[in-house]
N, C-alpha and C. Protein backbone atom coordinates (compact mmCIF):
# COMPACT_ATOMS: atom_id res chain seq x y z
N MET A 1 103.05 105.10 77.36
CA MET A 1 102.59 104.34 77.39
C MET A 1 102.64 103.79 78.75
N LEU A 2 101.62 103.25 78.90
CA LEU A 2 101.37 102.66 80.41
C LEU A 2 101.17 100.98 80.41
N VAL A 3 102.27 100.80 81.33
CA VAL A 3 102.87 99.48 81.94
C VAL A 3 102.22 98.88 83.26
N VAL A 4 101.35 97.85 83.10
CA VAL A 4 100.62 97.34 84.25
C VAL A 4 101.29 96.25 84.67
N CYS A 5 101.11 96.27 85.59
CA CYS A 5 101.42 94.88 86.51
C CYS A 5 100.69 94.85 87.74
N SER A 6 100.79 93.49 88.09
CA SER A 6 99.68 92.92 89.07
C SER A 6 100.85 92.77 90.28
N MET A 7 100.33 92.80 91.64
CA MET A 7 101.07 92.28 92.92
C MET A 7 99.71 91.86 93.79
N THR A 8 100.38 91.14 94.64
CA THR A 8 99.40 90.88 95.90
C THR A 8 100.02 91.46 97.19
N LEU A 9 99.22 92.38 97.87
CA LEU A 9 99.04 92.77 98.94
C LEU A 9 98.87 92.06 100.04
N THR A 10 99.48 91.58 101.13
CA THR A 10 99.09 91.22 102.28
C THR A 10 98.83 92.14 103.61
N LEU A 11 97.75 92.61 103.97
CA LEU A 11 98.03 93.39 105.34
C LEU A 11 97.09 92.83 106.23
N PRO A 12 97.43 93.24 107.68
CA PRO A 12 97.06 92.80 108.72
C PRO A 12 95.07 92.92 108.90
N ASP A 13 94.67 91.96 109.40
CA ASP A 13 93.08 92.13 109.48
C ASP A 13 92.89 93.38 110.45
N THR A 14 93.72 93.83 111.33
CA THR A 14 93.53 94.98 112.22
C THR A 14 93.40 96.05 111.70
N LEU A 15 94.11 95.95 110.15
CA LEU A 15 93.74 97.59 109.79
C LEU A 15 92.29 97.66 109.33
N LEU A 16 91.69 96.93 109.22
CA LEU A 16 89.77 96.83 108.83
C LEU A 16 89.76 98.01 107.55
N LEU A 17 90.29 97.38 106.63
CA LEU A 17 90.48 98.42 105.49
C LEU A 17 89.81 97.65 104.43
N GLU A 18 88.89 98.14 103.32
CA GLU A 18 88.32 97.74 102.34
C GLU A 18 89.61 97.97 101.18
N LYS A 19 89.05 97.12 100.11
CA LYS A 19 90.04 97.39 99.16
C LYS A 19 90.28 98.71 98.46
N GLU A 20 88.93 99.33 98.72
CA GLU A 20 88.64 100.67 97.82
C GLU A 20 89.90 101.67 98.90
N GLU A 21 89.64 101.62 100.04
CA GLU A 21 90.34 102.67 100.69
C GLU A 21 91.84 102.06 100.74
N VAL A 22 92.57 101.19 100.63
CA VAL A 22 93.73 100.65 100.39
C VAL A 22 94.30 101.22 98.83
N LEU A 23 93.30 101.50 98.07
CA LEU A 23 93.67 101.94 96.78
C LEU A 23 94.08 103.69 96.78
N LEU A 24 92.98 103.92 97.61
CA LEU A 24 92.76 105.32 97.51
C LEU A 24 94.28 106.16 98.57
N GLU A 25 94.38 105.40 99.51
CA GLU A 25 95.66 105.62 100.42
C GLU A 25 96.86 105.44 99.65
N LEU A 26 97.15 104.29 98.87
CA LEU A 26 98.39 104.07 97.88
C LEU A 26 98.39 105.18 96.86
N ALA A 27 97.24 105.62 96.08
CA ALA A 27 97.35 106.71 95.17
C ALA A 27 97.45 107.84 95.85
N CYS A 28 97.22 108.31 96.93
CA CYS A 28 97.26 109.76 97.74
C CYS A 28 98.73 109.45 97.94
N GLY A 29 99.50 108.47 98.32
CA GLY A 29 100.95 108.52 98.96
C GLY A 29 101.70 108.50 97.66
N LEU A 30 101.36 107.91 96.47
CA LEU A 30 101.93 108.33 95.25
C LEU A 30 102.29 109.44 94.90
N TYR A 31 100.74 110.26 94.74
CA TYR A 31 100.74 111.35 94.58
C TYR A 31 101.53 112.50 95.19
N ALA A 32 101.60 112.40 96.50
CA ALA A 32 102.52 112.99 97.51
C ALA A 32 103.82 112.95 97.20
N SER A 33 104.26 111.99 96.82
CA SER A 33 105.47 111.78 96.48
C SER A 33 106.18 112.10 94.95
N ARG A 34 105.19 112.48 94.12
CA ARG A 34 105.47 112.91 92.90
C ARG A 34 105.79 111.75 91.84
N ARG A 35 105.45 110.52 92.60
CA ARG A 35 105.49 109.35 91.52
C ARG A 35 104.28 109.33 90.87
N LEU A 36 103.31 109.95 91.02
CA LEU A 36 102.27 109.74 89.93
C LEU A 36 101.44 110.96 89.83
N ALA A 37 100.96 111.31 88.51
CA ALA A 37 100.01 112.52 88.28
C ALA A 37 98.81 112.23 88.45
N ARG A 38 98.08 113.60 89.02
CA ARG A 38 97.11 113.36 89.71
C ARG A 38 95.96 112.42 88.62
N GLY A 39 95.92 112.65 87.58
CA GLY A 39 94.99 111.79 86.76
C GLY A 39 95.43 110.32 86.86
N ARG A 40 96.53 109.88 86.91
CA ARG A 40 96.90 108.40 87.09
C ARG A 40 96.38 108.00 88.60
N ALA A 41 96.79 108.95 89.56
CA ALA A 41 96.51 108.56 91.02
C ALA A 41 95.08 108.38 91.09
N SER A 42 94.15 109.29 90.47
CA SER A 42 92.83 109.02 90.38
C SER A 42 92.25 107.81 89.81
N GLN A 43 92.82 107.41 88.63
CA GLN A 43 92.51 105.84 88.32
C GLN A 43 92.90 105.02 89.09
N LEU A 44 94.15 105.02 89.65
CA LEU A 44 94.49 103.89 90.58
C LEU A 44 93.45 103.77 91.62
N ALA A 45 92.87 105.05 92.07
CA ALA A 45 92.21 104.95 93.18
C ALA A 45 90.95 104.57 93.02
N GLY A 46 90.43 104.72 91.27
CA GLY A 46 89.13 104.25 91.21
C GLY A 46 88.03 105.59 91.52
N VAL A 47 88.52 106.98 91.25
CA VAL A 47 87.46 107.58 91.81
C VAL A 47 87.52 108.93 90.55
N SER A 48 86.59 109.70 90.32
CA SER A 48 87.14 110.69 89.79
C SER A 48 88.11 111.57 90.05
N GLU A 49 88.75 112.53 89.17
CA GLU A 49 89.39 113.55 89.33
C GLU A 49 89.16 114.64 90.43
N ASP A 50 87.78 114.96 90.34
CA ASP A 50 87.31 115.68 91.47
C ASP A 50 87.16 114.94 92.75
N ARG A 51 86.81 113.87 92.92
CA ARG A 51 86.88 113.27 94.34
C ARG A 51 88.34 113.11 94.86
N PHE A 52 89.23 112.74 93.95
CA PHE A 52 90.61 112.59 94.26
C PHE A 52 91.15 113.95 94.59
N GLU A 53 90.80 115.07 94.15
CA GLU A 53 91.20 116.07 94.78
C GLU A 53 90.58 116.98 95.81
N THR A 54 89.41 116.20 96.35
CA THR A 54 88.59 116.41 97.55
C THR A 54 89.55 115.68 98.64
N GLU A 55 89.86 114.39 98.32
CA GLU A 55 90.45 113.58 98.97
C GLU A 55 91.90 114.41 99.87
N LEU A 56 92.50 114.81 98.18
CA LEU A 56 93.90 115.48 98.86
C LEU A 56 93.50 116.66 99.60
N GLN A 57 92.81 117.31 98.98
CA GLN A 57 92.57 118.63 100.07
C GLN A 57 92.24 118.08 101.80
N SER A 58 91.81 117.23 101.90
CA SER A 58 91.22 116.55 103.50
C SER A 58 92.29 116.07 103.89
N ARG A 59 93.28 115.68 103.06
CA ARG A 59 94.72 115.27 103.59
C ARG A 59 95.75 116.16 103.68
N GLY A 60 95.70 117.49 103.01
CA GLY A 60 96.32 118.56 103.26
C GLY A 60 97.45 118.40 102.35
N ILE A 61 97.20 117.68 101.08
CA ILE A 61 98.23 117.14 100.49
C ILE A 61 98.35 118.47 98.86
N SER A 62 99.52 119.38 98.71
CA SER A 62 99.35 119.95 98.17
C SER A 62 99.33 119.78 96.96
N ASN A 63 98.56 120.37 95.67
CA ASN A 63 98.76 120.15 94.12
C ASN A 63 99.76 120.56 93.67
N GLY A 64 100.53 121.29 94.13
CA GLY A 64 101.86 121.60 93.53
C GLY A 64 101.85 122.88 93.03
N TYR A 65 100.57 123.68 92.87
CA TYR A 65 100.57 124.76 92.50
C TYR A 65 100.83 126.00 93.25
N ARG A 66 102.00 126.66 93.05
CA ARG A 66 102.30 127.73 94.29
C ARG A 66 101.99 129.26 93.86
N THR A 67 101.88 129.90 95.09
CA THR A 67 101.94 131.37 95.07
C THR A 67 102.58 131.88 93.71
N ALA A 68 103.93 131.43 93.52
CA ALA A 68 104.66 132.08 92.53
C ALA A 68 104.06 131.53 91.01
N ASP A 69 103.35 130.54 90.91
CA ASP A 69 102.96 129.88 89.80
C ASP A 69 101.66 131.06 89.19
N LEU A 70 100.94 131.09 90.23
CA LEU A 70 99.84 131.97 90.11
C LEU A 70 100.01 133.28 89.87
N GLU A 71 101.40 133.98 90.26
CA GLU A 71 101.66 135.29 89.89
C GLU A 71 102.29 135.19 88.32
N ASP A 72 102.93 134.09 88.08
CA ASP A 72 103.54 134.21 86.74
C ASP A 72 102.29 134.00 85.90
N ASP A 73 101.44 133.34 85.94
CA ASP A 73 100.29 133.01 85.05
C ASP A 73 99.49 134.32 84.94
N LEU A 74 99.29 135.06 86.29
CA LEU A 74 98.84 136.46 86.27
C LEU A 74 99.28 137.31 85.29
N SER A 75 100.81 137.36 85.42
CA SER A 75 101.62 138.29 84.45
C SER A 75 101.47 137.96 83.06
N ALA A 76 101.62 136.30 82.76
CA ALA A 76 101.32 136.00 81.23
C ALA A 76 99.81 136.56 80.71
N LEU A 77 98.90 136.66 81.53
CA LEU A 77 97.59 136.98 81.22
C LEU A 77 97.60 138.27 80.73
N ASN A 78 98.41 139.00 81.85
CA ASN A 78 98.32 140.61 81.42
C ASN A 78 98.70 140.92 80.37
N GLN A 79 100.00 140.54 80.02
CA GLN A 79 100.54 140.50 78.67
C GLN A 79 99.62 140.10 77.62
N LEU A 80 98.88 139.17 77.60
CA LEU A 80 98.32 138.73 76.44
C LEU A 80 97.07 139.61 76.05
N LEU A 81 96.61 140.33 77.32
CA LEU A 81 95.30 141.03 77.27
C LEU A 81 95.68 142.73 77.18
N ALA A 82 96.81 142.74 77.22
CA ALA A 82 97.70 144.34 77.09
C ALA A 82 97.34 144.97 75.67
N PRO A 83 97.01 146.01 75.39
CA PRO A 83 96.54 146.60 74.24
C PRO A 83 97.91 146.58 73.27
């Protein structure tokens, strides 16, 4: 279940950020700290998951898929394809 709340955020004018930029920054930070899943974070940012993934990559934020995960997936695939 998704619970929605609203809040007001006051930022200094010197930041020169548009609302969309603030939402993207917030979404990236919450995703990086593992508080939001990628899909929810992209919704918060108001962008597609593909665009959000591009933003994460440009910021050096990992999607959490490690080399060990790849090795496990390949091993499972090999077992499934074995005669």
